[in-house]
Amino acid sequence: MKWKIYLAVAMLLFMICISGCLNAPSGEVTSNISSSDNKTLVKIGVVLPLTGDAAKYGEWSRKGYDLALEKINSQDDYSYQLMLIYEDDEGIPKQSVSATQKLISIDKVKALTGYVLSSGALPSAAVAEKNKIVLLSSTASAESIKHAGDYIFRLRESGGLHGQLMAEYCHNKINVKQVAVFYLAAENGLAYAESFRKKFTEPGGEIMFYESYNPGATDFRSSLTKIKELQPDAVYLPGMPAEIGLILKQAAELGLQNQFLSTSAIENPKIFELAGGHADGVIYTYPSFDNHCHENPCNEFVRHYESKYGVSPEFVAASSYDALMILSLVFKEQGIDSEMIKKGLYKVNDYMGVSGKISFDEYGEVVRDISFRKIINSTFVSFQP
């Protein structure tokens, strides 16, 4: 009788241990491997902010990666079985670096992807470059990523291009001559702000106010009061939803009624919670992805995503999906040696992804289109400027 009790207790402890491992916040593995699969296993590290202020981007990104993984591993004629090892960096650069080091040294991944935030992508890129492991960021936009290394690629156009396009829009479409630039003091915020400033002033535009704020700031009234006194034609806000939402709310409270301009980061439901109904009218640049697309592979991806998750995908999910699909294609054509993966990515030209047509230049920078969007009645809407 005692041995049965001991056996039952042992089984219970075993099940608890397994449950804890499956629900671990980091090092979580996603694959579709069955014992009958006669394929070469390929581990890929995915570093995302699965918790913290940027968790929404991590959630969207993971859904995109998981959908791509499902499609890739279901192909009978594909000789590799992909395994994704997720690490949660909480949107903190230091943890992103630690996760990258762990994936390379312990998990022995063949490639790295994820890195939706520039703040984590940049220091992690240095680690990947040193170890000669390809890192393909799905959405990081900091200008300096362009020079991060020979093994570093990204599927998001630089913030600098967005800033330039917004400056041209101000001059050519809405006749804006004087602008206040209020930006996040981080790599991505600076990239947007600096490129906008340079492009806007070239034909004689005036930057009346140029100031940054720190991540996590909550009181912007002093700066907004200065902007109100200057009366610019528009206010450009490169940053993240947590701060932009509060800026829009406090601007409305101060009676600041300028045309507000921003970046794709604003397209997050959190903006409506924080702005208190004052986000309407903001115009912003956005990657070319359109979740109302009618042609494949985009339409197929959108339908599959909506069927599985019950909501329409954002560009973050689409870009993450494309990142894994492109890596899988390179594995198939070049193999899984780091040098061959790198070589294969540089060869990608006019790949038709779900987020649009994709090519990489000599810096590992993506070449793709940029669109414009506007918030109308608390809805993100595409429009032709």
Protein backbone atom coordinates (compact mmCIF):
# COMPACT_ATOMS: atom_id res chain seq x y z
CA MET A 1 0.00 0.00 0.00
CA LYS A 2 2.85 2.39 0.90
CA TRP A 3 4.56 1.98 -2.43
CA LYS A 4 1.33 2.96 -4.19
CA ILE A 5 1.13 6.12 -2.09
CA TYR A 6 4.79 6.92 -2.84
CA LEU A 7 4.16 6.34 -6.55
CA ALA A 8 1.11 8.62 -6.52
CA VAL A 9 3.04 11.39 -4.75
CA ALA A 10 5.92 11.05 -7.20
CA MET A 11 3.55 11.29 -10.15
CA LEU A 12 1.90 14.36 -8.64
CA LEU A 13 5.26 16.10 -8.16
CA PHE A 14 6.23 15.20 -11.70
CA MET A 15 3.05 16.75 -13.12
CA ILE A 16 3.57 19.93 -11.06
CA CYS A 17 7.11 20.22 -12.36
CA ILE A 18 6.00 19.76 -15.97
CA SER A 19 3.24 22.33 -15.52
CA GLY A 20 5.71 24.85 -14.12
CA CYS A 21 8.07 24.34 -17.03
CA LEU A 22 5.31 24.77 -19.60
CA ASN A 23 4.25 28.04 -18.03
CA ALA A 24 7.73 29.47 -17.56
CA PRO A 25 7.87 33.12 -18.61
CA SER A 26 11.17 32.73 -20.45
CA GLY A 27 12.80 30.00 -22.45
CA GLU A 28 9.36 28.86 -23.55
CA VAL A 29 9.51 26.61 -26.59
CA THR A 30 7.04 26.55 -29.45
CA SER A 31 7.26 23.83 -32.08
CA ASN A 32 5.08 21.31 -33.83
CA ILE A 33 7.41 18.36 -33.53
CA SER A 34 6.10 14.81 -33.45
CA SER A 35 8.17 11.70 -32.90
CA SER A 36 7.49 10.57 -36.48
CA ASP A 37 9.02 13.64 -38.09
CA ASN A 38 12.25 12.72 -39.85
CA LYS A 39 13.54 16.27 -40.16
CA THR A 40 16.53 18.29 -38.98
CA LEU A 41 15.67 20.32 -35.90
CA VAL A 42 16.53 24.03 -36.13
CA LYS A 43 16.32 26.22 -33.05
CA ILE A 44 15.50 29.92 -33.47
CA GLY A 45 15.61 32.41 -30.62
CA VAL A 46 12.79 34.96 -30.37
CA VAL A 47 13.26 37.87 -27.95
CA LEU A 48 10.07 39.86 -27.27
CA PRO A 49 8.53 42.10 -24.59
CA LEU A 50 5.93 39.57 -23.46
CA THR A 51 5.34 41.51 -20.23
CA GLY A 52 5.79 45.17 -19.29
CA ASP A 53 4.69 48.39 -20.99
CA ALA A 54 5.38 47.09 -24.51
CA ALA A 55 3.69 43.71 -23.98
CA LYS A 56 1.03 44.44 -26.61
CA TYR A 57 3.71 44.56 -29.30
CA GLY A 58 5.16 41.31 -27.97
CA GLU A 59 1.73 39.69 -28.05
CA TRP A 60 1.08 40.73 -31.65
CA SER A 61 4.54 39.64 -32.70
CA ARG A 62 4.29 36.23 -31.08
CA LYS A 63 0.99 35.53 -32.80
CA GLY A 64 2.63 36.26 -36.14
CA TYR A 65 5.58 33.99 -35.41
CA ASP A 66 3.34 31.17 -34.20
CA LEU A 67 1.19 31.31 -37.35
CA ALA A 68 4.27 31.17 -39.56
CA LEU A 69 5.68 28.28 -37.53
CA GLU A 70 2.45 26.36 -37.95
CA LYS A 71 2.54 26.81 -41.71
CA ILE A 72 6.24 25.97 -42.10
CA ASN A 73 6.23 22.85 -39.95
CA SER A 74 3.14 21.48 -41.70
CA GLN A 75 4.97 21.27 -45.03
CA ASP A 76 5.86 17.64 -45.77
CA ASP A 77 8.48 18.59 -48.36
CA TYR A 78 10.37 20.92 -46.01
CA SER A 79 13.48 19.21 -44.62
CA TYR A 80 13.71 21.21 -41.38
CA GLN A 81 11.59 21.25 -38.25
CA LEU A 82 11.70 24.70 -36.67
CA MET A 83 11.62 25.28 -32.94
CA LEU A 84 11.05 28.75 -31.53
CA ILE A 85 12.53 29.50 -28.12
CA TYR A 86 10.84 32.59 -26.68
CA GLU A 87 12.55 34.87 -24.20
CA ASP A 88 10.76 37.74 -22.45
CA ASP A 89 12.91 40.86 -22.14
CA GLU A 90 10.05 42.95 -20.65
CA GLY A 91 11.08 45.77 -22.98
CA ILE A 92 14.27 46.30 -20.93
CA PRO A 93 17.54 46.54 -22.96
CA LYS A 94 19.66 44.82 -20.31
CA GLN A 95 17.32 41.83 -20.25
CA SER A 96 17.27 41.72 -24.03
CA VAL A 97 21.05 41.36 -24.02
CA SER A 98 20.93 38.63 -21.35
CA ALA A 99 18.28 36.74 -23.31
CA THR A 100 20.38 36.98 -26.47
CA GLN A 101 23.47 35.68 -24.71
CA LYS A 102 21.50 32.78 -23.25
CA LEU A 103 19.98 31.81 -26.59
CA ILE A 104 23.38 31.81 -28.28
CA SER A 105 25.53 30.15 -25.61
CA ILE A 106 23.06 27.73 -24.00
CA ASP A 107 20.31 27.03 -26.53
CA LYS A 108 22.70 27.13 -29.52
CA VAL A 109 20.15 28.79 -31.80
CA LYS A 110 20.86 29.08 -35.51
CA ALA A 111 19.30 32.53 -35.80
CA LEU A 112 17.69 35.26 -33.73
CA THR A 113 14.55 37.26 -34.40
CA GLY A 114 11.92 39.34 -32.61
CA TYR A 115 13.46 42.49 -31.09
CA VAL A 116 10.45 44.71 -31.78
CA LEU A 117 11.96 47.64 -29.84
CA SER A 118 15.08 49.48 -30.98
CA SER A 119 16.22 49.90 -27.37
CA GLY A 120 16.69 46.14 -27.08
CA ALA A 121 17.66 45.43 -30.68
CA LEU A 122 20.71 47.70 -30.70
CA PRO A 123 22.67 46.26 -27.73
CA SER A 124 21.57 42.73 -28.65
CA ALA A 125 22.83 43.25 -32.19
CA ALA A 126 26.33 43.80 -30.79
CA VAL A 127 26.16 40.40 -29.09
CA ALA A 128 24.86 38.67 -32.22
CA GLU A 129 27.49 40.32 -34.42
CA LYS A 130 30.31 39.29 -32.08
CA ASN A 131 29.11 35.67 -32.16
CA LYS A 132 28.41 35.74 -35.91
CA ILE A 133 24.76 34.81 -35.48
CA VAL A 134 22.16 36.38 -37.78
CA LEU A 135 19.70 38.69 -36.02
CA LEU A 136 16.59 39.65 -37.99
CA SER A 137 14.53 42.28 -36.17
CA SER A 138 10.88 42.37 -37.10
CA THR A 139 10.12 46.03 -36.30
CA ALA A 140 13.05 47.98 -34.76
CA SER A 141 13.34 51.38 -36.44
CA ALA A 142 16.39 53.20 -34.94
CA GLU A 143 18.59 54.74 -37.63
CA SER A 144 21.81 53.33 -36.10
CA ILE A 145 20.70 49.73 -36.66
CA LYS A 146 21.77 50.28 -40.26
CA HIS A 147 25.40 50.15 -39.10
CA ALA A 148 24.99 47.51 -36.38
CA GLY A 149 26.86 44.81 -38.28
CA ASP A 150 27.06 42.41 -41.19
CA TYR A 151 24.84 39.81 -39.48
CA ILE A 152 22.11 42.30 -38.56
CA PHE A 153 18.95 42.69 -40.65
CA ARG A 154 15.53 44.17 -40.09
CA LEU A 155 12.10 44.11 -41.70
CA ARG A 156 11.12 47.59 -40.54
CA GLU A 157 12.15 50.64 -42.50
CA SER A 158 14.15 53.15 -40.45
CA GLY A 159 12.47 55.89 -38.46
CA GLY A 160 14.56 58.33 -40.47
CA LEU A 161 12.58 57.54 -43.62
CA HIS A 162 9.32 58.09 -41.75
CA GLY A 163 10.51 61.45 -40.46
CA GLN A 164 11.51 62.59 -43.94
CA LEU A 165 8.20 61.53 -45.43
CA MET A 166 6.24 63.37 -42.74
CA ALA A 167 8.28 66.53 -43.38
CA GLU A 168 7.48 66.33 -47.10
CA TYR A 169 3.80 65.80 -46.26
CA CYS A 170 3.81 68.96 -44.13
CA HIS A 171 5.26 71.08 -46.92
CA ASN A 172 3.50 69.60 -49.92
CA LYS A 173 0.08 68.51 -48.66
CA ILE A 174 -1.03 70.54 -45.62
CA ASN A 175 1.03 73.73 -46.08
CA VAL A 176 2.62 73.59 -42.63
CA LYS A 177 5.47 76.10 -42.22
CA GLN A 178 6.14 76.10 -38.46
CA VAL A 179 6.36 72.97 -36.33
CA ALA A 180 7.05 71.98 -32.72
CA VAL A 181 8.89 68.66 -32.32
CA PHE A 182 8.38 66.94 -28.96
CA TYR A 183 10.06 63.54 -28.99
CA LEU A 184 10.97 60.55 -26.83
CA ALA A 185 14.60 60.58 -25.64
CA ALA A 186 15.41 57.16 -27.08
CA GLU A 187 17.06 55.83 -30.23
CA ASN A 188 13.84 55.51 -32.21
CA GLY A 189 12.39 58.85 -31.06
CA LEU A 190 15.60 60.65 -31.99
CA ALA A 191 15.72 59.00 -35.42
CA TYR A 192 12.27 60.30 -36.32
CA ALA A 193 12.87 63.74 -34.82
CA GLU A 194 16.26 64.40 -36.39
CA SER A 195 15.32 63.26 -39.88
CA PHE A 196 12.12 65.31 -39.72
CA ARG A 197 14.01 68.40 -38.56
CA LYS A 198 16.60 68.17 -41.34
CA LYS A 199 14.09 67.52 -44.11
CA PHE A 200 11.59 70.11 -42.87
CA THR A 201 14.12 72.95 -42.62
CA GLU A 202 15.71 72.34 -46.05
CA PRO A 203 13.02 74.26 -48.00
CA GLY A 204 12.70 76.93 -45.32
CA GLY A 205 10.42 75.37 -42.71
CA GLU A 206 10.86 76.58 -39.13
CA ILE A 207 11.24 74.35 -36.09
CA MET A 208 9.88 76.60 -33.34
CA PHE A 209 10.32 74.07 -30.51
CA TYR A 210 12.62 71.04 -30.35
CA GLU A 211 12.64 69.19 -27.05
CA SER A 212 12.77 65.62 -25.73
CA TYR A 213 11.19 63.88 -22.76
CA ASN A 214 12.34 60.80 -20.84
CA PRO A 215 10.72 57.37 -21.13
CA GLY A 216 8.14 56.94 -18.37
CA ALA A 217 7.49 60.67 -17.97
CA THR A 218 3.91 61.55 -16.99
CA ASP A 219 3.72 65.35 -16.71
CA PHE A 220 4.24 67.30 -19.93
CA ARG A 221 2.33 70.48 -19.07
CA SER A 222 5.34 72.77 -18.85
CA SER A 223 6.53 71.91 -22.37
CA LEU A 224 3.02 71.95 -23.79
CA THR A 225 2.44 75.40 -22.33
CA LYS A 226 5.54 76.65 -24.18
CA ILE A 227 4.27 75.10 -27.40
CA LYS A 228 0.88 76.74 -26.95
CA GLU A 229 2.53 80.16 -26.54
CA LEU A 230 4.56 79.66 -29.73
CA GLN A 231 1.45 78.70 -31.76
CA PRO A 232 3.07 76.41 -34.36
CA ASP A 233 1.05 75.06 -37.28
CA ALA A 234 1.58 71.47 -36.12
CA VAL A 235 3.18 69.36 -33.39
CA TYR A 236 5.23 66.26 -34.28
CA LEU A 237 5.27 63.56 -31.59
CA PRO A 238 7.71 60.68 -32.22
CA GLY A 239 7.44 58.35 -29.22
CA MET A 240 5.53 55.50 -27.60
CA PRO A 241 1.83 55.19 -26.70
CA ALA A 242 2.36 55.44 -22.92
CA GLU A 243 3.70 58.99 -23.23
CA ILE A 244 1.90 60.16 -26.40
CA GLY A 245 -1.49 59.32 -24.92
CA LEU A 246 -0.81 61.52 -21.90
CA ILE A 247 0.59 64.30 -24.06
CA LEU A 248 -2.58 64.41 -26.15
CA LYS A 249 -4.77 64.42 -23.06
CA GLN A 250 -2.80 67.18 -21.31
CA ALA A 251 -2.63 69.22 -24.53
CA ALA A 252 -6.42 69.15 -24.76
CA GLU A 253 -6.73 70.18 -21.12
CA LEU A 254 -4.49 73.18 -21.86
CA GLY A 255 -6.52 74.13 -24.90
CA LEU A 256 -3.78 73.22 -27.40
CA GLN A 257 -5.64 72.55 -30.67
CA ASN A 258 -2.84 72.20 -33.21
CA GLN A 259 -2.60 69.49 -35.82
CA PHE A 260 -0.77 66.60 -34.15
CA LEU A 261 1.51 64.32 -36.18
CA SER A 262 3.11 61.06 -35.04
CA THR A 263 4.55 57.68 -35.96
CA SER A 264 3.27 54.12 -36.29
CA ALA A 265 3.84 53.51 -32.56
CA ILE A 266 0.64 55.41 -31.90
CA GLU A 267 -1.41 52.60 -33.46
CA ASN A 268 -2.04 50.82 -30.18
CA PRO A 269 -5.40 50.52 -28.33
CA LYS A 270 -3.63 51.88 -25.25
CA ILE A 271 -3.61 55.32 -26.87
CA PHE A 272 -7.37 55.63 -26.44
CA GLU A 273 -7.23 54.68 -22.77
CA LEU A 274 -4.59 57.30 -22.04
CA ALA A 275 -5.68 60.12 -24.35
CA GLY A 276 -9.20 60.17 -22.93
CA GLY A 277 -10.87 60.67 -26.31
CA HIS A 278 -8.38 63.28 -27.56
CA ALA A 279 -6.48 61.17 -30.10
CA ASP A 280 -8.83 61.88 -33.00
CA GLY A 281 -7.27 63.79 -35.86
CA VAL A 282 -3.68 62.61 -35.35
CA ILE A 283 -1.95 61.87 -38.67
CA TYR A 284 0.94 59.40 -38.70
CA THR A 285 3.18 57.39 -40.99
CA TYR A 286 2.80 53.62 -41.07
CA PRO A 287 4.40 50.62 -42.80
CA SER A 288 2.73 49.56 -46.04
CA PHE A 289 0.79 46.63 -44.51
CA ASP A 290 -3.00 46.82 -44.95
CA ASN A 291 -5.16 44.28 -43.09
CA HIS A 292 -7.93 44.88 -45.65
CA CYS A 293 -5.80 43.43 -48.44
CA HIS A 294 -7.48 41.27 -51.09
CA GLU A 295 -4.54 39.46 -52.68
CA ASN A 296 -2.56 36.49 -51.39
CA PRO A 297 -0.42 35.87 -49.42
CA CYS A 298 -1.68 38.86 -47.42
CA ASN A 299 -5.37 37.99 -47.62
CA GLU A 300 -4.74 34.36 -46.64
CA PHE A 301 -2.69 35.51 -43.64
CA VAL A 302 -5.36 37.97 -42.49
CA ARG A 303 -8.12 35.36 -42.75
CA HIS A 304 -6.07 32.78 -40.88
CA TYR A 305 -5.10 35.28 -38.19
CA GLU A 306 -8.68 36.46 -37.70
CA SER A 307 -9.95 32.88 -37.57
CA LYS A 308 -7.39 31.85 -34.96
CA TYR A 309 -7.28 34.97 -32.76
CA GLY A 310 -10.63 36.68 -33.38
CA VAL A 311 -9.09 40.06 -34.30
CA SER A 312 -7.43 41.63 -37.34
CA PRO A 313 -3.60 41.60 -37.41
CA GLU A 314 -1.40 44.67 -36.95
CA PHE A 315 1.73 45.27 -39.02
CA VAL A 316 3.80 43.97 -36.08
CA ALA A 317 2.21 40.53 -36.46
CA ALA A 318 2.53 40.63 -40.24
CA SER A 319 6.19 41.63 -40.09
CA SER A 320 6.94 38.90 -37.55
CA TYR A 321 5.19 36.34 -39.76
CA ASP A 322 7.32 37.46 -42.72
CA ALA A 323 10.51 37.32 -40.64
CA LEU A 324 10.10 33.61 -39.93
CA MET A 325 8.88 32.79 -43.43
CA ILE A 326 11.94 34.50 -44.94
CA LEU A 327 14.30 32.68 -42.57
CA SER A 328 12.67 29.36 -43.47
CA LEU A 329 13.11 30.12 -47.17
CA VAL A 330 16.79 30.96 -46.64
CA PHE A 331 17.29 27.72 -44.69
CA LYS A 332 15.79 25.81 -47.60
CA GLU A 333 17.88 27.53 -50.26
CA GLN A 334 21.17 28.07 -48.40
CA GLY A 335 21.26 25.75 -45.37
CA ILE A 336 21.54 26.57 -41.66
CA ASP A 337 25.16 27.61 -41.35
CA SER A 338 25.42 31.21 -40.10
CA GLU A 339 27.46 32.39 -43.08
CA MET A 340 24.99 30.86 -45.52
CA ILE A 341 21.99 32.34 -43.68
CA LYS A 342 23.60 35.77 -43.88
CA LYS A 343 24.42 35.28 -47.55
CA GLY A 344 20.86 34.14 -48.27
CA LEU A 345 19.27 37.16 -46.59
CA TYR A 346 21.37 39.57 -48.64
CA LYS A 347 19.99 37.84 -51.74
CA VAL A 348 16.34 38.42 -50.78
CA ASN A 349 14.86 40.62 -53.50
CA ASP A 350 11.19 41.40 -54.16
CA TYR A 351 9.99 38.68 -51.80
CA MET A 352 6.20 38.98 -51.67
CA GLY A 353 5.38 38.79 -47.97
CA VAL A 354 2.11 39.33 -46.17
CA SER A 355 3.34 42.81 -45.16
CA GLY A 356 4.28 43.75 -48.72
CA LYS A 357 7.17 43.34 -51.14
CA ILE A 358 10.51 42.91 -49.33
CA SER A 359 14.14 43.33 -50.37
CA PHE A 360 17.35 43.88 -48.38
CA ASP A 361 20.06 46.33 -49.37
CA GLU A 362 23.81 46.07 -48.73
CA TYR A 363 23.32 47.15 -45.10
CA GLY A 364 20.65 44.55 -44.32
CA GLU A 365 18.07 47.35 -44.42
CA VAL A 366 14.63 46.53 -45.76
CA VAL A 367 13.41 48.30 -48.87
CA ARG A 368 9.63 48.82 -48.80
CA ASP A 369 6.85 51.40 -49.01
CA ILE A 370 5.45 53.68 -46.29
CA SER A 371 1.82 54.79 -45.98
CA PHE A 372 -0.19 57.41 -44.08
CA ARG A 373 -2.94 56.84 -41.52
CA LYS A 374 -5.22 58.95 -39.37
CA ILE A 375 -7.23 58.44 -36.20
CA ILE A 376 -10.93 59.07 -36.88
CA ASN A 377 -13.63 58.35 -34.29
CA SER A 378 -11.11 56.34 -32.22
CA THR A 379 -10.32 54.17 -35.24
CA PHE A 380 -7.06 53.82 -37.18
CA VAL A 381 -7.84 54.62 -40.82
CA SER A 382 -5.68 54.50 -43.97
CA PHE A 383 -5.83 57.40 -46.39
CA GLN A 384 -4.05 58.79 -49.43
CA PRO A 385 -2.32 62.10 -48.65
